[in-house]
Amino acid sequence: MSKSITVTTEIAAERLAGLLCSGFEGGCGYWCQITGYRKPAAPVPHFTGDDTVYKHIDYPLCEDGAVLCRDVEDDERGVLVLDLAAIKRGLALMPTKAAYQWGRFVADDYDADTGDAFIQCCLLGEVVYG
């Protein structure tokens, strides 16, 4: 019988903002298109020292905000909602579904490919593309 150990890791919102930025601004554009936003009641900026609220980065990190997307490779998926629940799911899946990219994120050595893998884990439940 296989045994496992559950580990809880705290990740700063600013690091997640960086990962979303890498994904949306360089990684996932070949398959993912932003179609809209769900504005949170109180949008909060997540980059330290920057008071700008970036919809594609900050909205999904707020409790009631989201980025609405579509998979341009597979229209049958319908609307894909990137919200806080999806981000939490993606973080839970990434160590097994995208282990190499997870390692890069943990080592703080990530790029657009890492952001792409993260967004795929959040929205698709696995890395389907790339």
Protein backbone atom coordinates (compact mmCIF):
# COMPACT_ATOMS: atom_id res chain seq x y z
CA MET A 1 0.00 0.00 0.00
CA SER A 2 1.29 3.43 -0.98
CA LYS A 3 1.46 6.08 1.69
CA SER A 4 1.52 9.81 1.19
CA ILE A 5 2.17 12.94 3.15
CA THR A 6 0.16 16.12 2.74
CA VAL A 7 2.08 19.37 2.87
CA THR A 8 0.57 22.83 3.14
CA THR A 9 2.51 25.66 1.54
CA GLU A 10 1.81 29.36 1.87
CA ILE A 11 2.42 31.32 -1.33
CA ALA A 12 2.47 35.11 -1.36
CA ALA A 13 -0.16 36.71 -3.59
CA GLU A 14 2.59 38.76 -5.26
CA ARG A 15 4.26 35.55 -6.46
CA LEU A 16 0.94 34.34 -7.89
CA ALA A 17 0.49 37.72 -9.56
CA GLY A 18 3.89 37.25 -11.20
CA LEU A 19 2.91 33.78 -12.38
CA LEU A 20 -0.37 35.05 -13.86
CA CYS A 21 1.49 37.91 -15.53
CA SER A 22 3.97 35.46 -17.08
CA GLY A 23 1.15 33.25 -18.29
CA PHE A 24 -1.18 35.86 -19.71
CA GLU A 25 1.44 38.23 -21.10
CA GLY A 26 3.72 35.67 -22.67
CA GLY A 27 2.66 32.08 -22.27
CA CYS A 28 -0.92 31.08 -22.93
CA GLY A 29 -1.97 33.41 -25.77
CA TYR A 30 -1.70 30.62 -28.35
CA TRP A 31 -4.62 28.71 -26.80
CA CYS A 32 -6.32 31.04 -24.29
CA GLN A 33 -8.21 34.23 -25.11
CA ILE A 34 -9.55 36.59 -22.45
CA THR A 35 -13.19 37.35 -23.24
CA GLY A 36 -14.21 39.33 -20.17
CA TYR A 37 -13.82 40.04 -16.50
CA ARG A 38 -15.83 39.80 -13.31
CA LYS A 39 -14.86 42.88 -11.32
CA PRO A 40 -14.46 42.27 -7.59
CA ALA A 41 -16.27 44.57 -5.15
CA ALA A 42 -12.94 45.91 -3.92
CA PRO A 43 -10.12 45.29 -6.46
CA VAL A 44 -6.71 45.11 -4.80
CA PRO A 45 -3.30 45.47 -6.49
CA HIS A 46 -1.00 42.52 -5.78
CA PHE A 47 2.41 43.79 -6.88
CA THR A 48 4.32 45.42 -4.02
CA GLY A 49 5.02 49.08 -4.72
CA ASP A 50 2.55 49.28 -7.62
CA ASP A 51 -0.90 50.73 -6.93
CA THR A 52 -2.19 49.81 -10.39
CA VAL A 53 -4.92 47.18 -10.58
CA TYR A 54 -4.33 44.90 -13.58
CA LYS A 55 -7.60 43.17 -14.45
CA HIS A 56 -5.99 39.99 -15.82
CA ILE A 57 -3.75 39.63 -12.78
CA ASP A 58 -5.52 41.17 -9.80
CA TYR A 59 -9.18 40.33 -10.42
CA PRO A 60 -8.80 36.54 -10.10
CA LEU A 61 -6.76 36.96 -6.92
CA CYS A 62 -9.64 38.84 -5.25
CA GLU A 63 -12.41 36.89 -3.53
CA ASP A 64 -15.21 37.72 -5.98
CA GLY A 65 -13.25 38.61 -9.13
CA ALA A 66 -12.45 36.56 -12.20
CA VAL A 67 -11.03 36.52 -15.70
CA LEU A 68 -13.31 34.91 -18.27
CA CYS A 69 -11.50 32.98 -20.98
CA ARG A 70 -12.08 30.68 -23.90
CA ASP A 71 -9.95 27.92 -25.34
CA VAL A 72 -9.39 28.94 -28.98
CA GLU A 73 -8.32 25.37 -29.79
CA ASP A 74 -11.49 23.80 -28.37
CA ASP A 75 -14.66 25.93 -28.46
CA GLU A 76 -16.66 23.11 -26.88
CA ARG A 77 -15.09 23.87 -23.49
CA GLY A 78 -17.29 26.96 -23.18
CA VAL A 79 -16.45 29.80 -20.81
CA LEU A 80 -13.44 29.10 -18.61
CA VAL A 81 -13.50 31.03 -15.33
CA LEU A 82 -10.22 31.89 -13.67
CA ASP A 83 -11.13 32.88 -10.14
CA LEU A 84 -9.65 32.24 -6.71
CA ALA A 85 -11.13 28.73 -6.57
CA ALA A 86 -9.56 27.87 -9.95
CA ILE A 87 -6.21 29.26 -8.80
CA LYS A 88 -6.32 27.10 -5.68
CA ARG A 89 -7.19 24.04 -7.80
CA GLY A 90 -4.36 24.83 -10.22
CA LEU A 91 -1.87 25.17 -7.37
CA ALA A 92 -2.97 21.80 -5.98
CA LEU A 93 -2.67 20.12 -9.40
CA MET A 94 0.55 21.68 -10.62
CA PRO A 95 3.00 19.56 -8.57
CA THR A 96 1.68 16.38 -10.23
CA LYS A 97 0.40 17.64 -13.61
CA ALA A 98 3.34 19.97 -14.33
CA ALA A 99 6.06 18.90 -11.92
CA TYR A 100 8.96 20.46 -13.83
CA GLN A 101 7.23 23.83 -14.05
CA TRP A 102 6.16 23.60 -10.40
CA GLY A 103 9.81 23.09 -9.46
CA ARG A 104 10.77 26.17 -11.46
CA PHE A 105 8.08 28.22 -9.71
CA VAL A 106 9.13 27.04 -6.25
CA ALA A 107 12.76 27.86 -7.12
CA ASP A 108 11.62 31.35 -8.24
CA ASP A 109 13.07 30.63 -11.69
CA TYR A 110 9.92 30.67 -13.80
CA ASP A 111 8.96 32.14 -17.15
CA ALA A 112 6.07 32.32 -19.64
CA ASP A 113 6.05 28.52 -20.05
CA THR A 114 5.58 28.11 -16.30
CA GLY A 115 2.76 30.65 -16.30
CA ASP A 116 1.14 28.85 -19.23
CA ALA A 117 1.30 25.48 -17.43
CA PHE A 118 -0.18 27.09 -14.31
CA ILE A 119 -3.10 28.64 -16.19
CA GLN A 120 -3.76 25.31 -17.95
CA CYS A 121 -3.84 23.54 -14.57
CA CYS A 122 -6.24 26.19 -13.26
CA LEU A 123 -8.59 26.20 -16.26
CA LEU A 124 -8.20 22.74 -17.83
CA GLY A 125 -7.14 20.60 -14.87
CA GLU A 126 -3.97 19.47 -16.63
CA VAL A 127 -1.40 20.60 -19.19
CA VAL A 128 -3.08 19.95 -22.53
CA TYR A 129 -1.01 22.22 -24.78
CA GLY A 130 2.76 22.64 -25.06
